[in-house]
Amino acid sequence: MNADLSTGADDDEVTLGRIETEVAMLMRLGEATRRRTGAEHRVLDRAAYVILRHLADAGQQNVSALAARLNLDGSTVTRQVSAMQRDGLIVREPDPRDGRGMVVSPTPAGLQRMAAVQAARTRLYGDILAGWAPEDRDTLADMLHRLNEALEHRPHR
């Protein structure tokens, strides 16, 4: 089809293709950057970091609520939580609302390691985006938040 005769649908398809490519590159470069950076980025694996960030924000949770919030299988979260407990990053306690269940909470050591990774990542993005105008950084943060919200609330098929 001649470019002059293209439709809005064709333009939208091209834009969506660009988005797909950029998100794929973002994921690849993000992982490559994490592997190449200093030890402070690697004191926690990605799963532990995300779990600790959520627990720090939301407070103690049972494993099923944690799995639902992170869009993961309960058995996956159970394995991650067990490993984190062995590492002293979280504790399991009886659920105060239902004594039959257990909840997990971050330990001070877990919160300290999470904060160290968060600070290192913040410095890294500060360096990477140093040449960007503050309003561009703010726009990027808003757009990434919108993308994450859309991904999180996408209906399961």
Protein backbone atom coordinates (compact mmCIF):
# COMPACT_ATOMS: atom_id res chain seq x y z
CA MET A 1 0.00 0.00 0.00
CA ASN A 2 1.25 3.48 -0.83
CA ALA A 3 2.29 5.41 2.29
CA ASP A 4 0.18 8.37 1.14
CA LEU A 5 -2.93 6.19 1.17
CA SER A 6 -2.36 4.59 4.57
CA THR A 7 -5.19 4.61 7.07
CA GLY A 8 -5.24 5.56 10.70
CA ALA A 9 -5.42 1.84 11.53
CA ASP A 10 -2.14 1.28 9.70
CA ASP A 11 -0.55 4.15 11.63
CA ASP A 12 -1.84 2.68 14.89
CA GLU A 13 -0.38 -0.72 13.99
CA VAL A 14 2.99 0.89 13.29
CA THR A 15 2.86 2.74 16.63
CA LEU A 16 1.91 -0.41 18.52
CA GLY A 17 4.78 -2.24 16.81
CA ARG A 18 7.17 0.49 17.95
CA ILE A 19 5.83 0.22 21.50
CA GLU A 20 6.30 -3.56 21.47
CA THR A 21 9.88 -3.16 20.28
CA GLU A 22 10.72 -0.46 22.83
CA VAL A 23 9.23 -2.44 25.73
CA ALA A 24 11.19 -5.54 24.66
CA MET A 25 14.38 -3.46 24.50
CA LEU A 26 13.62 -1.85 27.86
CA MET A 27 13.31 -5.27 29.49
CA ARG A 28 16.50 -6.56 27.87
CA LEU A 29 18.53 -3.43 28.64
CA GLY A 30 17.14 -3.24 32.17
CA GLU A 31 18.32 -6.77 32.90
CA ALA A 32 21.69 -6.15 31.24
CA THR A 33 22.13 -2.94 33.24
CA ARG A 34 21.27 -4.74 36.48
CA ARG A 35 23.88 -7.43 35.80
CA ARG A 36 26.60 -4.86 34.98
CA THR A 37 26.05 -2.59 37.96
CA GLY A 38 27.60 -2.73 41.39
CA ALA A 39 26.95 -5.26 44.11
CA GLU A 40 24.37 -3.04 45.82
CA HIS A 41 21.94 -3.85 43.00
CA ARG A 42 22.42 -7.56 43.52
CA VAL A 43 21.96 -7.90 47.28
CA LEU A 44 18.41 -9.04 46.46
CA ASP A 45 17.06 -10.95 43.51
CA ARG A 46 14.21 -9.35 41.58
CA ALA A 47 11.50 -11.47 43.20
CA ALA A 48 12.66 -10.68 46.74
CA TYR A 49 12.93 -6.98 45.93
CA VAL A 50 9.38 -6.82 44.54
CA ILE A 51 7.95 -8.79 47.46
CA LEU A 52 9.73 -6.61 50.02
CA ARG A 53 8.64 -3.40 48.24
CA HIS A 54 5.03 -4.59 48.34
CA LEU A 55 5.19 -5.65 52.00
CA ALA A 56 6.84 -2.35 52.95
CA ASP A 57 3.97 -0.47 51.30
CA ALA A 58 1.00 -2.71 52.14
CA GLY A 59 2.04 -4.28 55.43
CA GLN A 60 1.91 -7.94 56.36
CA GLN A 61 0.15 -10.22 53.92
CA ASN A 62 -0.76 -13.85 53.59
CA VAL A 63 0.85 -15.68 50.68
CA SER A 64 -2.37 -15.90 48.64
CA ALA A 65 -2.94 -12.11 48.87
CA LEU A 66 0.71 -11.53 47.97
CA ALA A 67 0.44 -13.88 44.99
CA ALA A 68 -2.75 -12.17 43.79
CA ARG A 69 -1.21 -8.71 44.08
CA LEU A 70 1.93 -9.76 42.19
CA ASN A 71 -0.01 -11.78 39.60
CA LEU A 72 1.94 -14.93 40.43
CA ASP A 73 1.01 -18.52 41.20
CA GLY A 74 0.68 -19.21 44.93
CA SER A 75 3.23 -22.03 44.81
CA THR A 76 5.76 -19.69 43.19
CA VAL A 77 5.30 -17.11 45.94
CA THR A 78 5.45 -19.84 48.61
CA ARG A 79 8.86 -20.95 47.31
CA GLN A 80 10.11 -17.36 47.14
CA VAL A 81 8.83 -16.60 50.64
CA SER A 82 10.47 -19.76 52.03
CA ALA A 83 13.82 -18.75 50.53
CA MET A 84 13.43 -15.21 51.86
CA GLN A 85 12.63 -16.55 55.33
CA ARG A 86 15.77 -18.73 55.25
CA ASP A 87 17.74 -15.60 54.30
CA GLY A 88 16.26 -13.63 57.21
CA LEU A 89 14.43 -11.15 54.94
CA ILE A 90 10.91 -11.93 56.14
CA VAL A 91 9.19 -13.61 59.07
CA ARG A 92 6.03 -15.71 59.16
CA GLU A 93 3.59 -15.10 61.97
CA PRO A 94 0.06 -16.27 62.78
CA ASP A 95 -2.54 -14.16 60.98
CA PRO A 96 -4.04 -11.84 63.63
CA ARG A 97 -7.40 -11.93 61.77
CA ASP A 98 -7.45 -15.71 61.36
CA GLY A 99 -5.19 -17.71 63.66
CA ARG A 100 -5.32 -20.69 61.29
CA GLY A 101 -3.35 -18.82 58.62
CA MET A 102 0.05 -17.20 58.43
CA VAL A 103 1.17 -13.78 57.28
CA VAL A 104 4.59 -12.64 56.15
CA SER A 105 6.27 -9.40 57.17
CA PRO A 106 9.63 -7.89 56.25
CA THR A 107 12.40 -8.04 58.83
CA PRO A 108 14.53 -4.99 59.57
CA ALA A 109 17.34 -6.69 57.61
CA GLY A 110 14.99 -7.26 54.67
CA LEU A 111 13.86 -3.63 54.70
CA GLN A 112 17.48 -2.45 54.94
CA ARG A 113 18.53 -4.52 51.92
CA MET A 114 15.46 -3.39 49.96
CA ALA A 115 16.23 0.26 50.79
CA ALA A 116 19.85 -0.20 49.66
CA VAL A 117 18.74 -1.62 46.30
CA GLN A 118 16.11 1.10 45.90
CA ALA A 119 18.68 3.83 46.61
CA ALA A 120 21.17 2.29 44.17
CA ARG A 121 18.52 2.05 41.47
CA THR A 122 17.42 5.63 42.09
CA ARG A 123 21.03 6.83 41.73
CA LEU A 124 21.42 4.77 38.55
CA TYR A 125 18.30 6.27 36.95
CA GLY A 126 19.43 9.70 38.12
CA ASP A 127 22.68 9.18 36.21
CA ILE A 128 20.98 7.73 33.12
CA LEU A 129 18.40 10.52 32.96
CA ALA A 130 20.67 13.38 34.04
CA GLY A 131 20.39 15.07 30.65
CA TRP A 132 16.59 14.95 30.63
CA ALA A 133 14.50 17.95 31.61
CA PRO A 134 12.63 17.49 34.91
CA GLU A 135 9.28 17.65 33.11
CA ASP A 136 10.41 14.86 30.74
CA ARG A 137 11.40 12.66 33.69
CA ASP A 138 8.02 13.40 35.28
CA THR A 139 6.22 12.52 32.04
CA LEU A 140 8.18 9.25 31.78
CA ALA A 141 7.23 8.35 35.36
CA ASP A 142 3.57 9.08 34.62
CA MET A 143 3.56 7.06 31.39
CA LEU A 144 5.33 4.08 32.99
CA HIS A 145 2.78 4.18 35.83
CA ARG A 146 -0.07 4.20 33.32
CA LEU A 147 1.46 1.28 31.42
CA ASN A 148 1.91 -0.73 34.63
CA GLU A 149 -1.66 0.02 35.70
CA ALA A 150 -2.98 -1.10 32.31
CA LEU A 151 -0.92 -4.29 32.46
CA GLU A 152 -2.03 -5.01 36.02
CA HIS A 153 -5.72 -4.50 35.28
CA ARG A 154 -5.75 -6.30 31.95
CA PRO A 155 -8.41 -9.01 32.01
CA HIS A 156 -7.04 -12.56 32.17
CA ARG A 157 -7.81 -14.60 29.09
